[in-house]
Amino acid sequence: MFTESENEPLLSEHFITFCLHNIGCMLLFAQVDYLLHYMKVKPEWCHLRAFGNGLIVACTWQDVLCCIRNHNVSSSSPYNPYAESLVLSLYIYQCIIGKLQCQDPYYHAFVLIRTPVGYQNNNKTMSMLYFFCNGYPSMVDYTMLSMVQNGIVEKQTMKNVTSAINNYVRKPGAALVASLLLHDAYNGHNIDYPDNRKFYSNILLSFMVYYKYATSRTKSIIKSK
């Protein structure tokens, strides 16, 4: 067992690394955004989101395969630690440039819950969450939207593709993530030395994921500007 004084450097090192990763990711998004603006690629924000979510997919797909094969590894460390920072920094950058408005207060509340849970348990379950709730479906959505706005595909084609991704990837994936969050909460709960904060935060996030992504209708991005 570590004493409190022995744990402090580890926690501070984790926090510093977390901040540095987020700063680095935000700088990357700023550079890509500038490059898209310089190249006059339209719409910039749409390509930026597709790019950001593509990076999230690249950082999480190995953990997804591992958890699908064996859910008992869900609480172990991810193959790549950067997905957490990519998701949060993309969200913050979109807020800064004004492309993520307060149209969905529940999503902002969800981020406020998800971020500290992801910070304290950066594991394969969180990689699953980032893949199914952000990465792959959003990458496809914004790629299709950019193709529609550049006249490459028809709106109806986009509707068909995004609807299929939502119904057959995002929703079942979110249900699996919710179940893994519950699994991790109960599997890591020690009756003799309970960590109630971690236990209840996992359960809360599980219900939020299930309600937000597995059962509710996802708003169409066609109306996005």
C-alpha atoms as a PDB file:
ATOM      1  CA  MET A   1       0.000   0.000   0.000  1.00  0.00           C
ATOM      2  CA  PHE A   2       1.243   3.497  -0.794  1.00  0.00           C
ATOM      3  CA  THR A   3       1.057   6.203   1.801  1.00  0.00           C
ATOM      4  CA  GLU A   4      -0.511   9.543   1.029  1.00  0.00           C
ATOM      5  CA  SER A   5       2.913  11.188   0.674  1.00  0.00           C
ATOM      6  CA  GLU A   6       4.002   8.458  -1.778  1.00  0.00           C
ATOM      7  CA  ASN A   7       0.853   8.869  -3.865  1.00  0.00           C
ATOM      8  CA  GLU A   8       1.115  12.636  -4.202  1.00  0.00           C
ATOM      9  CA  PRO A   9       3.979  12.714  -6.748  1.00  0.00           C
ATOM     10  CA  LEU A  10       2.185  10.100  -8.860  1.00  0.00           C
ATOM     11  CA  LEU A  11      -1.034  12.106  -8.878  1.00  0.00           C
ATOM     12  CA  SER A  12       0.723  15.366  -9.666  1.00  0.00           C
ATOM     13  CA  GLU A  13       2.733  13.679 -12.436  1.00  0.00           C
ATOM     14  CA  HIS A  14      -0.488  12.243 -13.889  1.00  0.00           C
ATOM     15  CA  PHE A  15      -2.135  15.682 -13.797  1.00  0.00           C
ATOM     16  CA  ILE A  16       0.854  17.392 -15.438  1.00  0.00           C
ATOM     17  CA  THR A  17       0.979  14.723 -18.162  1.00  0.00           C
ATOM     18  CA  PHE A  18      -2.782  15.063 -18.698  1.00  0.00           C
ATOM     19  CA  CYS A  19      -2.473  18.856 -19.117  1.00  0.00           C
ATOM     20  CA  LEU A  20       0.520  18.589 -21.445  1.00  0.00           C
ATOM     21  CA  HIS A  21      -1.274  16.040 -23.622  1.00  0.00           C
ATOM     22  CA  ASN A  22      -4.300  18.328 -23.894  1.00  0.00           C
ATOM     23  CA  ILE A  23      -2.201  21.375 -24.722  1.00  0.00           C
ATOM     24  CA  GLY A  24      -0.343  19.394 -27.385  1.00  0.00           C
ATOM     25  CA  CYS A  25      -3.591  18.117 -28.917  1.00  0.00           C
ATOM     26  CA  MET A  26      -5.124  21.601 -28.957  1.00  0.00           C
ATOM     27  CA  LEU A  27      -2.040  22.982 -30.690  1.00  0.00           C
ATOM     28  CA  LEU A  28      -2.339  20.191 -33.255  1.00  0.00           C
ATOM     29  CA  PHE A  29      -6.003  21.040 -33.902  1.00  0.00           C
ATOM     30  CA  ALA A  30      -5.138  24.736 -34.169  1.00  0.00           C
ATOM     31  CA  GLN A  31      -2.443  23.980 -36.765  1.00  0.00           C
ATOM     32  CA  VAL A  32      -4.763  21.722 -38.774  1.00  0.00           C
ATOM     33  CA  ASP A  33      -7.505  24.376 -38.573  1.00  0.00           C
ATOM     34  CA  TYR A  34      -5.081  27.030 -39.836  1.00  0.00           C
ATOM     35  CA  LEU A  35      -3.958  24.728 -42.658  1.00  0.00           C
ATOM     36  CA  LEU A  36      -7.566  24.061 -43.691  1.00  0.00           C
ATOM     37  CA  HIS A  37      -8.263  27.810 -43.641  1.00  0.00           C
ATOM     38  CA  TYR A  38      -5.094  28.516 -45.669  1.00  0.00           C
ATOM     39  CA  MET A  39      -6.065  25.876 -48.236  1.00  0.00           C
ATOM     40  CA  LYS A  40      -9.613  27.311 -48.311  1.00  0.00           C
ATOM     41  CA  VAL A  41     -11.151  23.920 -47.597  1.00  0.00           C
ATOM     42  CA  LYS A  42     -14.861  24.216 -46.878  1.00  0.00           C
ATOM     43  CA  PRO A  43     -16.325  23.635 -44.383  1.00  0.00           C
ATOM     44  CA  GLU A  44     -13.243  23.871 -42.141  1.00  0.00           C
ATOM     45  CA  TRP A  45     -14.905  22.816 -38.872  1.00  0.00           C
ATOM     46  CA  CYS A  46     -16.383  19.735 -40.519  1.00  0.00           C
ATOM     47  CA  HIS A  47     -13.031  18.509 -41.826  1.00  0.00           C
ATOM     48  CA  LEU A  48     -11.432  19.303 -38.465  1.00  0.00           C
ATOM     49  CA  ARG A  49     -13.963  17.155 -36.598  1.00  0.00           C
ATOM     50  CA  ALA A  50     -13.546  14.307 -39.069  1.00  0.00           C
ATOM     51  CA  PHE A  51      -9.760  14.541 -38.651  1.00  0.00           C
ATOM     52  CA  GLY A  52      -9.950  14.695 -34.838  1.00  0.00           C
ATOM     53  CA  ASN A  53     -12.309  11.748 -34.586  1.00  0.00           C
ATOM     54  CA  GLY A  54     -10.151   9.799 -37.019  1.00  0.00           C
ATOM     55  CA  LEU A  55      -7.224  10.215 -34.606  1.00  0.00           C
ATOM     56  CA  ILE A  56      -9.461   8.987 -31.771  1.00  0.00           C
ATOM     57  CA  VAL A  57     -10.310   5.871 -33.799  1.00  0.00           C
ATOM     58  CA  ALA A  58      -6.604   5.251 -34.459  1.00  0.00           C
ATOM     59  CA  CYS A  59      -5.873   5.461 -30.703  1.00  0.00           C
ATOM     60  CA  THR A  60      -8.720   3.216 -29.526  1.00  0.00           C
ATOM     61  CA  TRP A  61      -9.453   0.438 -32.052  1.00  0.00           C
ATOM     62  CA  GLN A  62      -7.002  -2.024 -30.452  1.00  0.00           C
ATOM     63  CA  ASP A  63      -8.686  -1.634 -27.046  1.00  0.00           C
ATOM     64  CA  VAL A  64     -12.091  -2.155 -28.664  1.00  0.00           C
ATOM     65  CA  LEU A  65     -10.996  -5.470 -30.176  1.00  0.00           C
ATOM     66  CA  CYS A  66      -9.484  -6.583 -26.859  1.00  0.00           C
ATOM     67  CA  CYS A  67     -12.660  -5.816 -24.893  1.00  0.00           C
ATOM     68  CA  ILE A  68     -14.903  -7.495 -27.451  1.00  0.00           C
ATOM     69  CA  ARG A  69     -12.764 -10.644 -27.264  1.00  0.00           C
ATOM     70  CA  ASN A  70     -12.462 -10.595 -23.469  1.00  0.00           C
ATOM     71  CA  HIS A  71     -14.427  -8.113 -21.343  1.00  0.00           C
ATOM     72  CA  ASN A  72     -12.347  -9.001 -18.261  1.00  0.00           C
ATOM     73  CA  VAL A  73      -9.495  -6.824 -19.580  1.00  0.00           C
ATOM     74  CA  SER A  74     -11.716  -3.726 -19.682  1.00  0.00           C
ATOM     75  CA  SER A  75     -10.193  -2.178 -16.549  1.00  0.00           C
ATOM     76  CA  SER A  76      -6.589  -2.573 -17.754  1.00  0.00           C
ATOM     77  CA  SER A  77      -4.516   0.252 -19.228  1.00  0.00           C
ATOM     78  CA  PRO A  78      -5.166   1.275 -22.846  1.00  0.00           C
ATOM     79  CA  TYR A  79      -2.696   0.613 -25.639  1.00  0.00           C
ATOM     80  CA  ASN A  80      -2.541   4.327 -26.374  1.00  0.00           C
ATOM     81  CA  PRO A  81      -3.010   6.976 -23.633  1.00  0.00           C
ATOM     82  CA  TYR A  82      -3.803   9.884 -25.985  1.00  0.00           C
ATOM     83  CA  ALA A  83      -7.482   9.228 -26.777  1.00  0.00           C
ATOM     84  CA  GLU A  84      -8.620  10.873 -23.540  1.00  0.00           C
ATOM     85  CA  SER A  85      -6.736  14.088 -24.375  1.00  0.00           C
ATOM     86  CA  LEU A  86      -7.844  14.072 -28.022  1.00  0.00           C
ATOM     87  CA  VAL A  87     -11.530  13.884 -27.046  1.00  0.00           C
ATOM     88  CA  LEU A  88     -11.349  16.641 -24.421  1.00  0.00           C
ATOM     89  CA  SER A  89      -9.094  18.979 -26.404  1.00  0.00           C
ATOM     90  CA  LEU A  90     -11.294  18.660 -29.516  1.00  0.00           C
ATOM     91  CA  TYR A  91     -14.327  19.559 -27.383  1.00  0.00           C
ATOM     92  CA  ILE A  92     -12.542  22.554 -25.798  1.00  0.00           C
ATOM     93  CA  TYR A  93     -11.178  23.769 -29.140  1.00  0.00           C
ATOM     94  CA  GLN A  94     -14.650  23.642 -30.698  1.00  0.00           C
ATOM     95  CA  CYS A  95     -15.988  25.678 -27.761  1.00  0.00           C
ATOM     96  CA  ILE A  96     -13.187  28.245 -28.207  1.00  0.00           C
ATOM     97  CA  ILE A  97     -13.814  28.752 -31.931  1.00  0.00           C
ATOM     98  CA  GLY A  98     -17.570  28.881 -31.302  1.00  0.00           C
ATOM     99  CA  LYS A  99     -18.580  25.817 -33.327  1.00  0.00           C
ATOM    100  CA  LEU A 100     -20.003  23.940 -30.338  1.00  0.00           C
ATOM    101  CA  GLN A 101     -22.923  25.940 -28.991  1.00  0.00           C
ATOM    102  CA  CYS A 102     -25.218  25.327 -26.024  1.00  0.00           C
ATOM    103  CA  GLN A 103     -27.862  23.575 -28.146  1.00  0.00           C
ATOM    104  CA  ASP A 104     -27.513  20.403 -26.106  1.00  0.00           C
ATOM    105  CA  PRO A 105     -26.909  21.202 -22.407  1.00  0.00           C
ATOM    106  CA  TYR A 106     -27.053  17.485 -21.595  1.00  0.00           C
ATOM    107  CA  TYR A 107     -23.953  16.883 -23.736  1.00  0.00           C
ATOM    108  CA  HIS A 108     -21.997  19.570 -21.858  1.00  0.00           C
ATOM    109  CA  ALA A 109     -23.078  17.997 -18.554  1.00  0.00           C
ATOM    110  CA  PHE A 110     -22.030  14.614 -19.936  1.00  0.00           C
ATOM    111  CA  VAL A 111     -18.535  15.958 -20.729  1.00  0.00           C
ATOM    112  CA  LEU A 112     -18.215  17.381 -17.204  1.00  0.00           C
ATOM    113  CA  ILE A 113     -18.962  13.908 -15.780  1.00  0.00           C
ATOM    114  CA  ARG A 114     -16.987  11.918 -18.352  1.00  0.00           C
ATOM    115  CA  THR A 115     -13.754  13.916 -18.066  1.00  0.00           C
ATOM    116  CA  PRO A 116     -12.957  13.297 -14.366  1.00  0.00           C
ATOM    117  CA  VAL A 117     -14.017   9.641 -14.668  1.00  0.00           C
ATOM    118  CA  GLY A 118     -11.725   9.246 -17.684  1.00  0.00           C
ATOM    119  CA  TYR A 119      -8.953  11.052 -15.814  1.00  0.00           C
ATOM    120  CA  GLN A 120      -9.070   8.717 -12.828  1.00  0.00           C
ATOM    121  CA  ASN A 121      -9.615   5.517 -14.870  1.00  0.00           C
ATOM    122  CA  ASN A 122      -7.901   5.891 -18.218  1.00  0.00           C
ATOM    123  CA  ASN A 123      -8.580   2.264 -19.188  1.00  0.00           C
ATOM    124  CA  LYS A 124      -9.871   0.143 -22.059  1.00  0.00           C
ATOM    125  CA  THR A 125     -13.513   0.814 -21.125  1.00  0.00           C
ATOM    126  CA  MET A 126     -12.951   4.536 -21.627  1.00  0.00           C
ATOM    127  CA  SER A 127     -11.304   3.778 -24.984  1.00  0.00           C
ATOM    128  CA  MET A 128     -14.488   1.893 -25.914  1.00  0.00           C
ATOM    129  CA  LEU A 129     -16.530   4.943 -24.905  1.00  0.00           C
ATOM    130  CA  TYR A 130     -14.373   7.271 -27.006  1.00  0.00           C
ATOM    131  CA  PHE A 131     -14.566   4.902 -30.010  1.00  0.00           C
ATOM    132  CA  PHE A 132     -18.325   4.265 -30.043  1.00  0.00           C
ATOM    133  CA  CYS A 133     -19.671   7.567 -28.680  1.00  0.00           C
ATOM    134  CA  ASN A 134     -17.224   9.950 -30.368  1.00  0.00           C
ATOM    135  CA  GLY A 135     -14.631   8.476 -32.707  1.00  0.00           C
ATOM    136  CA  TYR A 136     -15.939   6.179 -35.414  1.00  0.00           C
ATOM    137  CA  PRO A 137     -19.577   7.351 -35.732  1.00  0.00           C
ATOM    138  CA  SER A 138     -18.582  11.036 -35.628  1.00  0.00           C
ATOM    139  CA  MET A 139     -15.765  10.503 -38.113  1.00  0.00           C
ATOM    140  CA  VAL A 140     -18.229   8.943 -40.574  1.00  0.00           C
ATOM    141  CA  ASP A 141     -20.898  11.606 -39.881  1.00  0.00           C
ATOM    142  CA  TYR A 142     -18.612  14.570 -40.539  1.00  0.00           C
ATOM    143  CA  THR A 143     -16.881  12.937 -43.491  1.00  0.00           C
ATOM    144  CA  MET A 144     -20.268  12.387 -45.106  1.00  0.00           C
ATOM    145  CA  LEU A 145     -21.372  15.932 -44.264  1.00  0.00           C
ATOM    146  CA  SER A 146     -18.247  17.407 -45.867  1.00  0.00           C
ATOM    147  CA  MET A 147     -18.882  15.286 -48.968  1.00  0.00           C
ATOM    148  CA  VAL A 148     -22.480  16.535 -49.132  1.00  0.00           C
ATOM    149  CA  GLN A 149     -21.429  20.171 -48.813  1.00  0.00           C
ATOM    150  CA  ASN A 150     -18.833  19.698 -51.548  1.00  0.00           C
ATOM    151  CA  GLY A 151     -21.374  18.058 -53.854  1.00  0.00           C
ATOM    152  CA  ILE A 152     -19.744  14.618 -53.853  1.00  0.00           C
ATOM    153  CA  VAL A 153     -22.732  12.663 -52.488  1.00  0.00           C
ATOM    154  CA  GLU A 154     -26.444  13.332 -52.129  1.00  0.00           C
ATOM    155  CA  LYS A 155     -28.114  14.229 -48.834  1.00  0.00           C
ATOM    156  CA  GLN A 156     -30.204  11.080 -48.937  1.00  0.00           C
ATOM    157  CA  THR A 157     -27.060   8.953 -49.184  1.00  0.00           C
ATOM    158  CA  MET A 158     -25.685  10.732 -46.142  1.00  0.00           C
ATOM    159  CA  LYS A 159     -28.913  10.146 -44.233  1.00  0.00           C
ATOM    160  CA  ASN A 160     -28.821   6.446 -45.035  1.00  0.00           C
ATOM    161  CA  VAL A 161     -25.182   6.027 -44.026  1.00  0.00           C
ATOM    162  CA  THR A 162     -25.360   8.053 -40.803  1.00  0.00           C
ATOM    163  CA  SER A 163     -28.618   6.352 -39.802  1.00  0.00           C
ATOM    164  CA  ALA A 164     -27.046   2.919 -40.295  1.00  0.00           C
ATOM    165  CA  ILE A 165     -23.948   3.921 -38.294  1.00  0.00           C
ATOM    166  CA  ASN A 166     -26.107   5.283 -35.491  1.00  0.00           C
ATOM    167  CA  ASN A 167     -28.381   2.232 -35.297  1.00  0.00           C
ATOM    168  CA  TYR A 168     -25.826  -0.529 -35.839  1.00  0.00           C
ATOM    169  CA  VAL A 169     -22.586   0.911 -34.413  1.00  0.00           C
ATOM    170  CA  ARG A 170     -23.141   3.786 -31.981  1.00  0.00           C
ATOM    171  CA  LYS A 171     -26.197   2.449 -30.120  1.00  0.00           C
ATOM    172  CA  PRO A 172     -25.084  -1.164 -29.573  1.00  0.00           C
ATOM    173  CA  GLY A 173     -21.551   0.073 -28.842  1.00  0.00           C
ATOM    174  CA  ALA A 174     -22.857   2.536 -26.245  1.00  0.00           C
ATOM    175  CA  ALA A 175     -24.918  -0.234 -24.607  1.00  0.00           C
ATOM    176  CA  LEU A 176     -21.761  -2.352 -24.402  1.00  0.00           C
ATOM    177  CA  VAL A 177     -19.807   0.580 -22.916  1.00  0.00           C
ATOM    178  CA  ALA A 178     -22.514   1.154 -20.286  1.00  0.00           C
ATOM    179  CA  SER A 179     -22.369  -2.512 -19.278  1.00  0.00           C
ATOM    180  CA  LEU A 180     -18.554  -2.411 -19.052  1.00  0.00           C
ATOM    181  CA  LEU A 181     -18.682   0.690 -16.844  1.00  0.00           C
ATOM    182  CA  LEU A 182     -20.985  -1.182 -14.462  1.00  0.00           C
ATOM    183  CA  HIS A 183     -18.721  -4.231 -14.687  1.00  0.00           C
ATOM    184  CA  ASP A 184     -15.667  -2.137 -13.766  1.00  0.00           C
ATOM    185  CA  ALA A 185     -17.518  -0.387 -10.939  1.00  0.00           C
ATOM    186  CA  TYR A 186     -18.566  -3.622  -9.239  1.00  0.00           C
ATOM    187  CA  ASN A 187     -15.445  -5.585 -10.154  1.00  0.00           C
ATOM    188  CA  GLY A 188     -13.169  -2.975  -8.589  1.00  0.00           C
ATOM    189  CA  HIS A 189     -15.344  -2.324  -5.533  1.00  0.00           C
ATOM    190  CA  ASN A 190     -13.609  -3.491  -2.370  1.00  0.00           C
ATOM    191  CA  ILE A 191     -16.009  -3.924   0.547  1.00  0.00           C
ATOM    192  CA  ASP A 192     -13.221  -3.551   3.113  1.00  0.00           C
ATOM    193  CA  TYR A 193     -11.685  -0.450   1.485  1.00  0.00           C
ATOM    194  CA  PRO A 194     -14.448   1.066  -0.663  1.00  0.00           C
ATOM    195  CA  ASP A 195     -13.628   3.870  -3.079  1.00  0.00           C
ATOM    196  CA  ASN A 196     -17.159   5.271  -3.194  1.00  0.00           C
ATOM    197  CA  ARG A 197     -16.238   8.208  -5.412  1.00  0.00           C
ATOM    198  CA  LYS A 198     -14.921   5.941  -8.162  1.00  0.00           C
ATOM    199  CA  PHE A 199     -17.737   3.430  -7.696  1.00  0.00           C
ATOM    200  CA  TYR A 200     -20.620   5.915  -7.972  1.00  0.00           C
ATOM    201  CA  SER A 201     -19.006   8.012 -10.720  1.00  0.00           C
ATOM    202  CA  ASN A 202     -18.712   4.897 -12.921  1.00  0.00           C
ATOM    203  CA  ILE A 203     -22.344   4.007 -12.291  1.00  0.00           C
ATOM    204  CA  LEU A 204     -23.496   7.569 -13.041  1.00  0.00           C
ATOM    205  CA  LEU A 205     -21.478   7.669 -16.270  1.00  0.00           C
ATOM    206  CA  SER A 206     -22.875   4.268 -17.255  1.00  0.00           C
ATOM    207  CA  PHE A 207     -26.472   5.499 -17.030  1.00  0.00           C
ATOM    208  CA  MET A 208     -25.602   8.743 -18.842  1.00  0.00           C
ATOM    209  CA  VAL A 209     -23.936   6.848 -21.712  1.00  0.00           C
ATOM    210  CA  TYR A 210     -26.890   4.491 -22.025  1.00  0.00           C
ATOM    211  CA  TYR A 211     -29.447   7.317 -22.003  1.00  0.00           C
ATOM    212  CA  LYS A 212     -27.506   9.672 -24.272  1.00  0.00           C
ATOM    213  CA  TYR A 213     -26.233   7.266 -26.921  1.00  0.00           C
ATOM    214  CA  ALA A 214     -27.954   3.867 -26.656  1.00  0.00           C
ATOM    215  CA  THR A 215     -31.615   4.889 -26.349  1.00  0.00           C
ATOM    216  CA  SER A 216     -32.165   8.517 -27.374  1.00  0.00           C
ATOM    217  CA  ARG A 217     -32.366   9.679 -30.972  1.00  0.00           C
ATOM    218  CA  THR A 218     -29.176  11.349 -32.132  1.00  0.00           C
ATOM    219  CA  LYS A 219     -29.839  14.728 -33.742  1.00  0.00           C
ATOM    220  CA  SER A 220     -29.086  14.940 -37.421  1.00  0.00           C
ATOM    221  CA  ILE A 221     -25.975  16.913 -38.304  1.00  0.00           C
ATOM    222  CA  ILE A 222     -27.470  17.976 -41.640  1.00  0.00           C
ATOM    223  CA  LYS A 223     -28.853  21.102 -39.992  1.00  0.00           C
ATOM    224  CA  SER A 224     -25.387  22.020 -38.703  1.00  0.00           C
ATOM    225  CA  LYS A 225     -23.814  25.045 -40.279  1.00  0.00           C
END
